[in-house]
Protein backbone atom coordinates (compact mmCIF):
# COMPACT_ATOMS: atom_id res chain seq x y z
CA UNK A 1 -16.16 55.46 -52.29
CA UNK A 2 -16.41 54.87 -48.55
CA UNK A 3 -18.90 52.07 -48.93
CA UNK A 4 -16.25 50.30 -51.25
CA UNK A 5 -13.53 50.87 -48.80
CA UNK A 6 -15.66 49.43 -46.11
CA UNK A 7 -16.57 46.39 -48.21
CA UNK A 8 -12.91 45.70 -48.86
CA UNK A 9 -11.93 46.05 -45.23
CA UNK A 10 -14.75 43.66 -44.26
CA UNK A 11 -13.69 41.09 -47.08
CA UNK A 12 -10.06 41.22 -45.76
CA UNK A 13 -11.07 40.72 -42.10
CA UNK A 14 -13.20 37.82 -43.14
CA UNK A 15 -10.63 36.13 -45.17
CA UNK A 16 -7.98 36.45 -42.57
CA UNK A 17 -10.36 34.97 -39.98
CA UNK A 18 -11.11 32.09 -42.37
CA UNK A 19 -7.35 31.49 -42.88
CA UNK A 20 -6.72 31.67 -39.09
CA UNK A 21 -9.56 28.99 -38.79
CA UNK A 22 -7.89 26.74 -41.40
CA UNK A 23 -4.60 26.88 -39.64
CA UNK A 24 -6.13 26.18 -36.23
CA UNK A 25 -7.74 23.20 -37.81
CA UNK A 26 -4.29 21.90 -38.66
CA UNK A 27 -3.17 22.41 -35.09
CA UNK A 28 -6.02 20.53 -33.89
CA UNK A 29 -5.50 17.73 -36.37
CA UNK A 30 -1.91 17.51 -35.28
CA UNK A 31 -3.04 17.34 -31.64
CA UNK A 32 -5.48 14.48 -32.48
CA UNK A 33 -2.55 12.50 -34.04
CA UNK A 34 -0.12 13.20 -31.36
CA UNK A 35 -2.55 12.74 -28.45
CA UNK A 36 -3.59 9.23 -30.05
CA UNK A 37 0.14 8.17 -30.34
CA UNK A 38 0.76 9.23 -26.81
CA UNK A 39 -2.30 7.30 -25.56
CA UNK A 40 -1.01 4.15 -27.26
CA UNK A 41 2.36 4.53 -25.93
CA UNK A 42 1.20 5.05 -22.27
CA UNK A 43 -1.12 1.99 -22.58
CA UNK A 44 1.96 -0.06 -23.47
CA UNK A 45 3.78 1.16 -20.53
CA UNK A 46 5.83 3.62 -22.63
CA UNK A 47 7.79 0.52 -24.07
CA UNK A 48 7.31 2.12 -27.48
CA UNK A 49 7.89 5.43 -28.85
CA UNK A 50 6.56 7.13 -31.99
CA UNK A 51 8.81 9.22 -34.23
CA UNK A 52 7.74 11.40 -37.01
CA UNK A 53 10.02 12.38 -39.86
CA UNK A 54 9.13 14.62 -42.72
CA UNK A 55 10.14 15.00 -46.40
CA UNK A 56 8.90 16.73 -49.66
CA UNK A 57 7.73 14.32 -52.34
CA UNK A 58 7.74 14.83 -55.94
CA UNK A 59 4.37 16.68 -55.80
CA UNK A 60 5.99 19.15 -53.19
CA UNK A 61 3.71 17.60 -50.54
CA UNK A 62 5.10 17.46 -47.06
CA UNK A 63 4.79 13.84 -46.14
CA UNK A 64 4.83 12.90 -42.26
CA UNK A 65 6.10 9.37 -41.91
CA UNK A 66 5.25 7.88 -38.50
CA UNK A 67 7.50 5.03 -37.11
CA UNK A 68 7.07 2.95 -34.06
CA UNK A 69 10.20 1.94 -32.13
CA UNK A 70 11.02 -0.39 -29.29
CA UNK A 71 12.60 1.68 -26.45
CA UNK A 72 15.02 -0.97 -25.44
CA UNK A 73 16.32 -1.93 -28.97
CA UNK A 74 15.55 1.00 -30.98
CA UNK A 75 14.20 -1.33 -33.70
CA UNK A 76 11.77 0.64 -35.66
CA UNK A 77 9.26 0.27 -38.48
CA UNK A 78 7.17 2.80 -40.40
CA UNK A 79 3.42 2.66 -39.44
CA UNK A 80 1.73 5.14 -41.51
CA UNK A 81 2.18 8.38 -43.32
CA UNK A 82 -0.05 11.46 -43.75
CA UNK A 83 0.05 14.83 -45.49
CA UNK A 84 -2.20 17.84 -45.43
CA UNK A 85 -3.43 19.61 -48.55
CA UNK A 86 -0.83 22.38 -49.17
CA UNK A 87 -3.07 25.44 -49.23
CA UNK A 88 -6.41 24.34 -47.67
CA UNK A 89 -5.19 21.79 -45.00
CA UNK A 90 -8.07 19.60 -45.50
CA UNK A 91 -8.29 16.97 -46.86
CA UNK A 92 -5.65 14.91 -44.92
CA UNK A 93 -4.50 11.98 -46.78
CA UNK A 94 -3.56 9.19 -44.50
CA UNK A 95 -2.35 5.54 -45.08
CA UNK A 96 -1.62 2.64 -42.68
CA UNK A 97 0.39 0.25 -44.72
CA UNK A 98 -2.14 0.13 -47.57
CA UNK A 99 -4.67 -1.42 -45.18
CA UNK A 100 -6.54 1.63 -44.10
CA UNK A 101 -6.28 4.48 -46.49
CA UNK A 102 -8.39 7.44 -45.92
CA UNK A 103 -9.06 11.02 -47.26
CA UNK A 104 -10.18 12.95 -44.09
CA UNK A 105 -12.17 15.99 -45.15
CA UNK A 106 -12.65 17.21 -41.47
CA UNK A 107 -11.45 16.83 -37.93
CA UNK A 108 -14.25 14.29 -37.44
CA UNK A 109 -13.08 12.10 -40.26
CA UNK A 110 -9.58 12.19 -38.89
CA UNK A 111 -10.98 11.04 -35.67
CA UNK A 112 -12.84 8.19 -37.58
CA UNK A 113 -9.49 7.11 -39.25
CA UNK A 114 -7.89 6.57 -35.74
CA UNK A 115 -10.91 4.85 -34.48
CA UNK A 116 -10.58 2.33 -37.39
CA UNK A 117 -6.80 2.22 -36.86
CA UNK A 118 -6.91 1.46 -33.12
CA UNK A 119 -9.80 -1.18 -33.89
CA UNK A 120 -7.58 -2.96 -36.54
CA UNK A 121 -6.31 -6.04 -34.68
CA UNK A 122 -3.16 -6.23 -36.79
CA UNK A 123 -2.13 -2.80 -35.83
CA UNK A 124 -2.59 -3.46 -32.13
CA UNK A 125 -0.76 -6.70 -32.25
CA UNK A 126 2.00 -5.14 -34.01
CA UNK A 127 2.42 -2.49 -31.39
CA UNK A 128 2.07 -5.02 -28.66
CA UNK A 129 4.74 -7.19 -30.19
CA UNK A 130 6.99 -4.34 -30.74
CA UNK A 131 6.68 -3.22 -27.10
CA UNK A 132 7.27 -6.70 -25.77
CA UNK A 133 10.34 -7.43 -27.90
CA UNK A 134 13.32 -8.00 -26.07
CA UNK A 135 16.75 -8.01 -27.88
CA UNK A 136 18.46 -10.84 -26.10
CA UNK A 137 20.81 -13.35 -27.47
CA UNK A 138 19.07 -16.32 -25.61
CA UNK A 139 15.80 -15.23 -26.95
CA UNK A 140 14.08 -17.02 -29.77
CA UNK A 141 11.51 -14.34 -30.13
CA UNK A 142 11.57 -12.49 -33.50
CA UNK A 143 11.01 -8.90 -33.89
CA UNK A 144 7.52 -8.62 -35.17
CA UNK A 145 8.55 -6.89 -38.71
């Protein structure tokens, strides 16, 4: 009986540690996303900000919508959305305006997504135009979205 109790105790400890590792991966994934957005904003002289909203879709997934806003005008546009698997965290599903869609099964694949995203000329141009937009009545410049 003692062996069975010990086996059960070890199983409980192992599964708690496994669950803890999964939750830590979610924290690391969120950190990758937040640090990438902070770096983009900093490199554009903090003229833009990123705002994330959350809602639950029909499949009960918690969707994170990421918007970019011009700091002066508060004009904003949704850039991409992502969501984590409800129970296992990974895969993370992430979509940039149907141009770059990726199922990330690990932190490395999430980094790969952001490498592709920041290498996308259209994405960077959109951020640059958003940061440079000046809401001025004498300005013929149009908002980039």
